[in-house]
Amino acid sequence: MAEDRIEVDTGTGELLCEIRDRVALITLNRPEARNALSDRLTPALRRMIKQCGDDPKIGALLITGAGNAFCAGGGCQGHGRQFNEGRGGV
């Protein structure tokens, strides 16, 4: 049987997603930053996890990282940007 492969638009190059044979493969794509989470990557990752989890055609979800690291955690660059732009805060 030929392997079905569908690329999914995540809205950012920092996150890649493809579906192969009912498995959603999500790749954190910031190898230069050891795939640290960012203001773009984090919301895209949340959306893709929800979207794939809600899709009855997807049976499994695999999250991986590009390059030599899975995820270095939260990146410090850009933290507080939403607050400083008036979109966050308490």
PDB file of N, CA and C in Angstrom:
ATOM      1  N   MET A   1       0.838  -1.179   0.000  1.00  0.00           N
ATOM      2  CA  MET A   1       0.000   0.000   0.000  1.00  0.00           C
ATOM      3  C   MET A   1       0.885   1.244   0.000  1.00  0.00           C
ATOM      4  N   ALA A   2       0.565   2.199  -0.819  1.00  0.00           N
ATOM      5  CA  ALA A   2       1.320   3.451  -0.887  1.00  0.00           C
ATOM      6  C   ALA A   2       1.065   4.274   0.369  1.00  0.00           C
ATOM      7  N   GLU A   3       2.112   4.914   0.837  1.00  0.00           N
ATOM      8  CA  GLU A   3       1.991   5.733   2.034  1.00  0.00           C
ATOM      9  C   GLU A   3       1.328   7.055   1.692  1.00  0.00           C
ATOM     10  N   ASP A   4       0.231   7.365   2.369  1.00  0.00           N
ATOM     11  CA  ASP A   4      -0.427   8.653   2.189  1.00  0.00           C
ATOM     12  C   ASP A   4       0.324   9.690   3.011  1.00  0.00           C
ATOM     13  N   ARG A   5       0.577  10.856   2.414  1.00  0.00           N
ATOM     14  CA  ARG A   5       1.291  11.938   3.096  1.00  0.00           C
ATOM     15  C   ARG A   5       0.591  13.243   2.781  1.00  0.00           C
ATOM     16  N   ILE A   6       0.162  13.938   3.841  1.00  0.00           N
ATOM     17  CA  ILE A   6      -0.537  15.208   3.679  1.00  0.00           C
ATOM     18  C   ILE A   6       0.204  16.254   4.509  1.00  0.00           C
ATOM     19  N   GLU A   7       0.649  17.329   3.864  1.00  0.00           N
ATOM     20  CA  GLU A   7       1.260  18.441   4.596  1.00  0.00           C
ATOM     21  C   GLU A   7       0.157  19.364   5.092  1.00  0.00           C
ATOM     22  N   VAL A   8       0.291  19.832   6.330  1.00  0.00           N
ATOM     23  CA  VAL A   8      -0.702  20.696   6.951  1.00  0.00           C
ATOM     24  C   VAL A   8      -0.078  22.066   7.183  1.00  0.00           C
ATOM     25  N   ASP A   9      -0.789  23.121   6.817  1.00  0.00           N
ATOM     26  CA  ASP A   9      -0.314  24.494   7.035  1.00  0.00           C
ATOM     27  C   ASP A   9      -0.492  24.846   8.511  1.00  0.00           C
ATOM     28  N   THR A  10       0.612  25.155   9.184  1.00  0.00           N
ATOM     29  CA  THR A  10       0.561  25.504  10.606  1.00  0.00           C
ATOM     30  C   THR A  10       0.503  27.010  10.831  1.00  0.00           C
ATOM     31  N   GLY A  11       0.695  27.780   9.772  1.00  0.00           N
ATOM     32  CA  GLY A  11       0.684  29.230   9.907  1.00  0.00           C
ATOM     33  C   GLY A  11       2.048  29.830  10.196  1.00  0.00           C
ATOM     34  N   THR A  12       3.069  28.983  10.396  1.00  0.00           N
ATOM     35  CA  THR A  12       4.414  29.479  10.656  1.00  0.00           C
ATOM     36  C   THR A  12       5.434  28.435  10.232  1.00  0.00           C
ATOM     37  N   GLY A  13       6.578  28.893   9.773  1.00  0.00           N
ATOM     38  CA  GLY A  13       7.661  27.982   9.429  1.00  0.00           C
ATOM     39  C   GLY A  13       8.338  27.388  10.650  1.00  0.00           C
ATOM     40  N   GLU A  14       8.003  27.909  11.842  1.00  0.00           N
ATOM     41  CA  GLU A  14       8.595  27.399  13.078  1.00  0.00           C
ATOM     42  C   GLU A  14       7.982  26.065  13.492  1.00  0.00           C
ATOM     43  N   LEU A  15       6.898  25.661  12.828  1.00  0.00           N
ATOM     44  CA  LEU A  15       6.226  24.411  13.156  1.00  0.00           C
ATOM     45  C   LEU A  15       5.797  23.734  11.866  1.00  0.00           C
ATOM     46  N   LEU A  16       6.176  22.483  11.717  1.00  0.00           N
ATOM     47  CA  LEU A  16       5.797  21.715  10.543  1.00  0.00           C
ATOM     48  C   LEU A  16       4.847  20.614  10.967  1.00  0.00           C
ATOM     49  N   CYS A  17       3.954  20.229  10.064  1.00  0.00           N
ATOM     50  CA  CYS A  17       3.035  19.143  10.365  1.00  0.00           C
ATOM     51  C   CYS A  17       2.722  18.380   9.093  1.00  0.00           C
ATOM     52  N   GLU A  18       2.778  17.078   9.189  1.00  0.00           N
ATOM     53  CA  GLU A  18       2.343  16.232   8.085  1.00  0.00           C
ATOM     54  C   GLU A  18       1.630  15.024   8.672  1.00  0.00           C
ATOM     55  N   ILE A  19       0.738  14.488   7.886  1.00  0.00           N
ATOM     56  CA  ILE A  19      -0.022  13.316   8.318  1.00  0.00           C
ATOM     57  C   ILE A  19       0.340  12.174   7.384  1.00  0.00           C
ATOM     58  N   ARG A  20       0.753  11.065   7.980  1.00  0.00           N
ATOM     59  CA  ARG A  20       1.101   9.860   7.222  1.00  0.00           C
ATOM     60  C   ARG A  20       0.396   8.672   7.856  1.00  0.00           C
ATOM     61  N   ASP A  21      -0.420   8.014   7.079  1.00  0.00           N
ATOM     62  CA  ASP A  21      -1.082   6.789   7.549  1.00  0.00           C
ATOM     63  C   ASP A  21      -1.687   6.954   8.944  1.00  0.00           C
ATOM     64  N   ARG A  22      -2.500   7.982   9.112  1.00  0.00           N
ATOM     65  CA  ARG A  22      -3.240   8.270  10.347  1.00  0.00           C
ATOM     66  C   ARG A  22      -2.369   8.753  11.509  1.00  0.00           C
ATOM     67  N   VAL A  23      -1.083   9.049  11.249  1.00  0.00           N
ATOM     68  CA  VAL A  23      -0.188   9.577  12.277  1.00  0.00           C
ATOM     69  C   VAL A  23       0.163  11.013  11.925  1.00  0.00           C
ATOM     70  N   ALA A  24      -0.127  11.935  12.843  1.00  0.00           N
ATOM     71  CA  ALA A  24       0.253  13.338  12.656  1.00  0.00           C
ATOM     72  C   ALA A  24       1.658  13.517  13.221  1.00  0.00           C
ATOM     73  N   LEU A  25       2.586  13.938  12.364  1.00  0.00           N
ATOM     74  CA  LEU A  25       3.965  14.197  12.765  1.00  0.00           C
ATOM     75  C   LEU A  25       4.147  15.707  12.847  1.00  0.00           C
ATOM     76  N   ILE A  26       4.301  16.208  14.065  1.00  0.00           N
ATOM     77  CA  ILE A  26       4.491  17.644  14.304  1.00  0.00           C
ATOM     78  C   ILE A  26       5.960  17.863  14.650  1.00  0.00           C
ATOM     79  N   THR A  27       6.605  18.775  13.920  1.00  0.00           N
ATOM     80  CA  THR A  27       8.032  19.028  14.120  1.00  0.00           C
ATOM     81  C   THR A  27       8.258  20.471  14.541  1.00  0.00           C
ATOM     82  N   LEU A  28       8.858  20.647  15.719  1.00  0.00           N
ATOM     83  CA  LEU A  28       9.302  21.970  16.144  1.00  0.00           C
ATOM     84  C   LEU A  28      10.474  22.315  15.244  1.00  0.00           C
ATOM     85  N   ASN A  29      10.406  23.445  14.539  1.00  0.00           N
ATOM     86  CA  ASN A  29      11.371  23.740  13.488  1.00  0.00           C
ATOM     87  C   ASN A  29      12.161  25.019  13.767  1.00  0.00           C
ATOM     88  N   ARG A  30      12.840  25.038  14.901  1.00  0.00           N
ATOM     89  CA  ARG A  30      13.751  26.138  15.237  1.00  0.00           C
ATOM     90  C   ARG A  30      15.085  25.555  15.683  1.00  0.00           C
ATOM     91  N   PRO A  31      15.744  24.781  14.808  1.00  0.00           N
ATOM     92  CA  PRO A  31      16.972  24.111  15.251  1.00  0.00           C
ATOM     93  C   PRO A  31      18.070  25.072  15.695  1.00  0.00           C
ATOM     94  N   GLU A  32      18.085  26.281  15.134  1.00  0.00           N
ATOM     95  CA  GLU A  32      19.110  27.263  15.530  1.00  0.00           C
ATOM     96  C   GLU A  32      18.935  27.707  16.973  1.00  0.00           C
ATOM     97  N   ALA A  33      17.735  27.532  17.528  1.00  0.00           N
ATOM     98  CA  ALA A  33      17.449  27.892  18.925  1.00  0.00           C
ATOM     99  C   ALA A  33      17.139  26.645  19.748  1.00  0.00           C
ATOM    100  N   ARG A  34      17.600  25.488  19.270  1.00  0.00           N
ATOM    101  CA  ARG A  34      17.337  24.202  19.918  1.00  0.00           C
ATOM    102  C   ARG A  34      15.840  23.998  20.142  1.00  0.00           C
ATOM    103  N   ASN A  35      15.044  24.517  19.186  1.00  0.00           N
ATOM    104  CA  ASN A  35      13.586  24.386  19.174  1.00  0.00           C
ATOM    105  C   ASN A  35      12.904  24.973  20.409  1.00  0.00           C
ATOM    106  N   ALA A  36      13.508  26.023  20.960  1.00  0.00           N
ATOM    107  CA  ALA A  36      12.888  26.707  22.094  1.00  0.00           C
ATOM    108  C   ALA A  36      11.547  27.290  21.663  1.00  0.00           C
ATOM    109  N   LEU A  37      10.593  27.242  22.567  1.00  0.00           N
ATOM    110  CA  LEU A  37       9.263  27.789  22.290  1.00  0.00           C
ATOM    111  C   LEU A  37       9.353  29.298  22.114  1.00  0.00           C
ATOM    112  N   SER A  38       8.508  29.832  21.245  1.00  0.00           N
ATOM    113  CA  SER A  38       8.512  31.271  20.965  1.00  0.00           C
ATOM    114  C   SER A  38       7.074  31.775  20.907  1.00  0.00           C
ATOM    115  N   ASP A  39       6.941  33.088  20.723  1.00  0.00           N
ATOM    116  CA  ASP A  39       5.605  33.695  20.630  1.00  0.00           C
ATOM    117  C   ASP A  39       4.841  33.214  19.404  1.00  0.00           C
ATOM    118  N   ARG A  40       5.523  32.724  18.400  1.00  0.00           N
ATOM    119  CA  ARG A  40       4.855  32.171  17.209  1.00  0.00           C
ATOM    120  C   ARG A  40       4.661  30.663  17.316  1.00  0.00           C
ATOM    121  N   LEU A  41       5.699  29.991  17.813  1.00  0.00           N
ATOM    122  CA  LEU A  41       5.670  28.534  17.875  1.00  0.00           C
ATOM    123  C   LEU A  41       4.636  28.012  18.864  1.00  0.00           C
ATOM    124  N   THR A  42       4.564  28.584  20.045  1.00  0.00           N
ATOM    125  CA  THR A  42       3.681  28.067  21.090  1.00  0.00           C
ATOM    126  C   THR A  42       2.209  28.067  20.680  1.00  0.00           C
ATOM    127  N   PRO A  43       1.640  29.183  20.197  1.00  0.00           N
ATOM    128  CA  PRO A  43       0.228  29.131  19.807  1.00  0.00           C
ATOM    129  C   PRO A  43      -0.024  28.200  18.617  1.00  0.00           C
ATOM    130  N   ALA A  44       0.939  28.135  17.692  1.00  0.00           N
ATOM    131  CA  ALA A  44       0.777  27.233  16.544  1.00  0.00           C
ATOM    132  C   ALA A  44       0.777  25.782  17.018  1.00  0.00           C
ATOM    133  N   LEU A  45       1.640  25.454  17.961  1.00  0.00           N
ATOM    134  CA  LEU A  45       1.696  24.100  18.502  1.00  0.00           C
ATOM    135  C   LEU A  45       0.390  23.744  19.207  1.00  0.00           C
ATOM    136  N   ARG A  46      -0.121  24.661  19.997  1.00  0.00           N
ATOM    137  CA  ARG A  46      -1.409  24.415  20.673  1.00  0.00           C
ATOM    138  C   ARG A  46      -2.532  24.172  19.674  1.00  0.00           C
ATOM    139  N   ARG A  47      -2.571  24.995  18.626  1.00  0.00           N
ATOM    140  CA  ARG A  47      -3.617  24.831  17.597  1.00  0.00           C
ATOM    141  C   ARG A  47      -3.510  23.484  16.898  1.00  0.00           C
ATOM    142  N   MET A  48      -2.276  23.090  16.551  1.00  0.00           N
ATOM    143  CA  MET A  48      -2.098  21.835  15.823  1.00  0.00           C
ATOM    144  C   MET A  48      -2.421  20.633  16.697  1.00  0.00           C
ATOM    145  N   ILE A  49      -2.058  20.662  17.958  1.00  0.00           N
ATOM    146  CA  ILE A  49      -2.396  19.558  18.858  1.00  0.00           C
ATOM    147  C   ILE A  49      -3.910  19.422  18.962  1.00  0.00           C
ATOM    148  N   LYS A  50      -4.602  20.540  19.114  1.00  0.00           N
ATOM    149  CA  LYS A  50      -6.076  20.507  19.200  1.00  0.00           C
ATOM    150  C   LYS A  50      -6.678  20.029  17.890  1.00  0.00           C
ATOM    151  N   GLN A  51      -6.221  20.600  16.782  1.00  0.00           N
ATOM    152  CA  GLN A  51      -6.761  20.237  15.472  1.00  0.00           C
ATOM    153  C   GLN A  51      -6.566  18.749  15.185  1.00  0.00           C
ATOM    154  N   CYS A  52      -5.383  18.250  15.442  1.00  0.00           N
ATOM    155  CA  CYS A  52      -5.106  16.832  15.183  1.00  0.00           C
ATOM    156  C   CYS A  52      -5.869  15.938  16.160  1.00  0.00           C
ATOM    157  N   GLY A  53      -5.969  16.372  17.403  1.00  0.00           N
ATOM    158  CA  GLY A  53      -6.707  15.593  18.401  1.00  0.00           C
ATOM    159  C   GLY A  53      -8.190  15.500  18.102  1.00  0.00           C
ATOM    160  N   ASP A  54      -8.728  16.524  17.467  1.00  0.00           N
ATOM    161  CA  ASP A  54     -10.162  16.544  17.131  1.00  0.00           C
ATOM    162  C   ASP A  54     -10.482  15.818  15.832  1.00  0.00           C
ATOM    163  N   ASP A  55      -9.472  15.468  15.058  1.00  0.00           N
ATOM    164  CA  ASP A  55      -9.678  14.851  13.747  1.00  0.00           C
ATOM    165  C   ASP A  55      -9.806  13.333  13.894  1.00  0.00           C
ATOM    166  N   PRO A  56     -10.979  12.768  13.598  1.00  0.00           N
ATOM    167  CA  PRO A  56     -11.166  11.318  13.762  1.00  0.00           C
ATOM    168  C   PRO A  56     -10.337  10.492  12.780  1.00  0.00           C
ATOM    169  N   LYS A  57      -9.783  11.134  11.748  1.00  0.00           N
ATOM    170  CA  LYS A  57      -8.944  10.416  10.785  1.00  0.00           C
ATOM    171  C   LYS A  57      -7.506  10.254  11.280  1.00  0.00           C
ATOM    172  N   ILE A  58      -7.172  10.909  12.405  1.00  0.00           N
ATOM    173  CA  ILE A  58      -5.822  10.814  12.970  1.00  0.00           C
ATOM    174  C   ILE A  58      -5.884   9.917  14.198  1.00  0.00           C
ATOM    175  N   GLY A  59      -5.050   8.879  14.192  1.00  0.00           N
ATOM    176  CA  GLY A  59      -5.052   7.917  15.289  1.00  0.00           C
ATOM    177  C   GLY A  59      -3.942   8.125  16.298  1.00  0.00           C
ATOM    178  N   ALA A  60      -2.884   8.861  15.921  1.00  0.00           N
ATOM    179  CA  ALA A  60      -1.753   9.094  16.825  1.00  0.00           C
ATOM    180  C   ALA A  60      -1.100  10.424  16.482  1.00  0.00           C
ATOM    181  N   LEU A  61      -0.427  10.985  17.470  1.00  0.00           N
ATOM    182  CA  LEU A  61       0.256  12.268  17.320  1.00  0.00           C
ATOM    183  C   LEU A  61       1.685  12.088  17.814  1.00  0.00           C
ATOM    184  N   LEU A  62       2.657  12.445  16.985  1.00  0.00           N
ATOM    185  CA  LEU A  62       4.067  12.353  17.335  1.00  0.00           C
ATOM    186  C   LEU A  62       4.672  13.746  17.221  1.00  0.00           C
ATOM    187  N   ILE A  63       5.277  14.215  18.309  1.00  0.00           N
ATOM    188  CA  ILE A  63       5.905  15.538  18.313  1.00  0.00           C
ATOM    189  C   ILE A  63       7.411  15.331  18.407  1.00  0.00           C
ATOM    190  N   THR A  64       8.137  15.987  17.510  1.00  0.00           N
ATOM    191  CA  THR A  64       9.592  15.857  17.459  1.00  0.00           C
ATOM    192  C   THR A  64      10.212  17.231  17.225  1.00  0.00           C
ATOM    193  N   GLY A  65      11.526  17.284  17.268  1.00  0.00           N
ATOM    194  CA  GLY A  65      12.226  18.540  17.037  1.00  0.00           C
ATOM    195  C   GLY A  65      13.223  18.405  15.904  1.00  0.00           C
ATOM    196  N   ALA A  66      13.380  19.451  15.122  1.00  0.00           N
ATOM    197  CA  ALA A  66      14.373  19.476  14.041  1.00  0.00           C
ATOM    198  C   ALA A  66      15.766  19.648  14.647  1.00  0.00           C
ATOM    199  N   GLY A  67      16.754  19.084  13.995  1.00  0.00           N
ATOM    200  CA  GLY A  67      18.131  19.248  14.463  1.00  0.00           C
ATOM    201  C   GLY A  67      18.475  18.310  15.594  1.00  0.00           C
ATOM    202  N   ASN A  68      19.354  18.776  16.484  1.00  0.00           N
ATOM    203  CA  ASN A  68      19.917  17.929  17.543  1.00  0.00           C
ATOM    204  C   ASN A  68      19.166  17.966  18.863  1.00  0.00           C
ATOM    205  N   ALA A  69      18.114  18.749  18.969  1.00  0.00           N
ATOM    206  CA  ALA A  69      17.405  18.870  20.242  1.00  0.00           C
ATOM    207  C   ALA A  69      15.904  18.753  20.024  1.00  0.00           C
ATOM    208  N   PHE A  70      15.215  18.202  21.020  1.00  0.00           N
ATOM    209  CA  PHE A  70      13.764  18.182  20.948  1.00  0.00           C
ATOM    210  C   PHE A  70      13.231  19.580  21.230  1.00  0.00           C
ATOM    211  N   CYS A  71      13.489  20.093  22.430  1.00  0.00           N
ATOM    212  CA  CYS A  71      13.006  21.429  22.800  1.00  0.00           C
ATOM    213  C   CYS A  71      13.796  21.914  24.007  1.00  0.00           C
ATOM    214  N   ALA A  72      14.387  23.092  23.891  1.00  0.00           N
ATOM    215  CA  ALA A  72      15.186  23.656  24.974  1.00  0.00           C
ATOM    216  C   ALA A  72      14.326  24.380  26.004  1.00  0.00           C
ATOM    217  N   GLY A  73      13.014  24.371  25.840  1.00  0.00           N
ATOM    218  CA  GLY A  73      12.129  25.074  26.761  1.00  0.00           C
ATOM    219  C   GLY A  73      11.645  26.369  26.137  1.00  0.00           C
ATOM    220  N   GLY A  74      11.339  27.341  26.964  1.00  0.00           N
ATOM    221  CA  GLY A  74      10.855  28.625  26.470  1.00  0.00           C
ATOM    222  C   GLY A  74      11.996  29.539  26.108  1.00  0.00           C
ATOM    223  N   GLY A  75      11.952  30.094  24.911  1.00  0.00           N
ATOM    224  CA  GLY A  75      12.966  31.060  24.509  1.00  0.00           C
ATOM    225  C   GLY A  75      12.727  32.387  25.214  1.00  0.00           C
ATOM    226  N   CYS A  76      13.781  33.064  25.600  1.00  0.00           N
ATOM    227  CA  CYS A  76      13.643  34.338  26.318  1.00  0.00           C
ATOM    228  C   CYS A  76      13.403  35.509  25.384  1.00  0.00           C
ATOM    229  N   GLN A  77      13.859  35.412  24.140  1.00  0.00           N
ATOM    230  CA  GLN A  77      13.650  36.509  23.202  1.00  0.00           C
ATOM    231  C   GLN A  77      12.163  36.659  22.923  1.00  0.00           C
ATOM    232  N   GLY A  78      11.678  37.858  23.033  1.00  0.00           N
ATOM    233  CA  GLY A  78      10.280  38.120  22.731  1.00  0.00           C
ATOM    234  C   GLY A  78       9.349  37.966  23.916  1.00  0.00           C
ATOM    235  N   HIS A  79       9.837  37.404  25.038  1.00  0.00           N
ATOM    236  CA  HIS A  79       8.962  37.277  26.195  1.00  0.00           C
ATOM    237  C   HIS A  79       8.551  38.664  26.672  1.00  0.00           C
ATOM    238  N   GLY A  80       7.318  38.828  26.968  1.00  0.00           N
ATOM    239  CA  GLY A  80       6.795  40.113  27.392  1.00  0.00           C
ATOM    240  C   GLY A  80       6.371  40.992  26.237  1.00  0.00           C
ATOM    241  N   ARG A  81       6.601  40.558  25.010  1.00  0.00           N
ATOM    242  CA  ARG A  81       6.237  41.362  23.844  1.00  0.00           C
ATOM    243  C   ARG A  81       4.735  41.644  23.831  1.00  0.00           C
ATOM    244  N   GLN A  82       3.929  40.619  24.138  1.00  0.00           N
ATOM    245  CA  GLN A  82       2.475  40.826  24.130  1.00  0.00           C
ATOM    246  C   GLN A  82       2.077  41.862  25.171  1.00  0.00           C
ATOM    247  N   PHE A  83       2.705  41.809  26.341  1.00  0.00           N
ATOM    248  CA  PHE A  83       2.392  42.783  27.374  1.00  0.00           C
ATOM    249  C   PHE A  83       2.785  44.182  26.940  1.00  0.00           C
ATOM    250  N   ASN A  84       3.982  44.301  26.368  1.00  0.00           N
ATOM    251  CA  ASN A  84       4.477  45.602  25.951  1.00  0.00           C
ATOM    252  C   ASN A  84       3.671  46.179  24.788  1.00  0.00           C
ATOM    253  N   GLU A  85       3.030  45.298  24.011  1.00  0.00           N
ATOM    254  CA  GLU A  85       2.206  45.754  22.881  1.00  0.00           C
ATOM    255  C   GLU A  85       0.743  45.928  23.290  1.00  0.00           C
ATOM    256  N   GLY A  86       0.465  45.810  24.588  1.00  0.00           N
ATOM    257  CA  GLY A  86      -0.895  46.035  25.069  1.00  0.00           C
ATOM    258  C   GLY A  86      -1.848  44.870  24.851  1.00  0.00           C
ATOM    259  N   ARG A  87      -1.323  43.645  24.601  1.00  0.00           N
ATOM    260  CA  ARG A  87      -2.184  42.504  24.369  1.00  0.00           C
ATOM    261  C   ARG A  87      -2.211  41.540  25.530  1.00  0.00           C
ATOM    262  N   GLY A  88      -1.596  41.860  26.614  1.00  0.00           N
ATOM    263  CA  GLY A  88      -1.557  40.911  27.728  1.00  0.00           C
ATOM    264  C   GLY A  88      -1.475  41.651  29.039  1.00  0.00           C
ATOM    265  N   GLY A  89      -1.179  40.920  30.047  1.00  0.00           N
ATOM    266  CA  GLY A  89      -1.037  41.521  31.357  1.00  0.00           C
ATOM    267  C   GLY A  89      -2.254  41.236  32.213  1.00  0.00           C
ATOM    268  N   VAL A  90      -2.124  41.636  33.453  1.00  0.00           N
ATOM    269  CA  VAL A  90      -3.171  41.375  34.437  1.00  0.00           C
ATOM    270  C   VAL A  90      -3.987  42.605  34.673  1.00  0.00           C
TER     271      VAL A  90
END
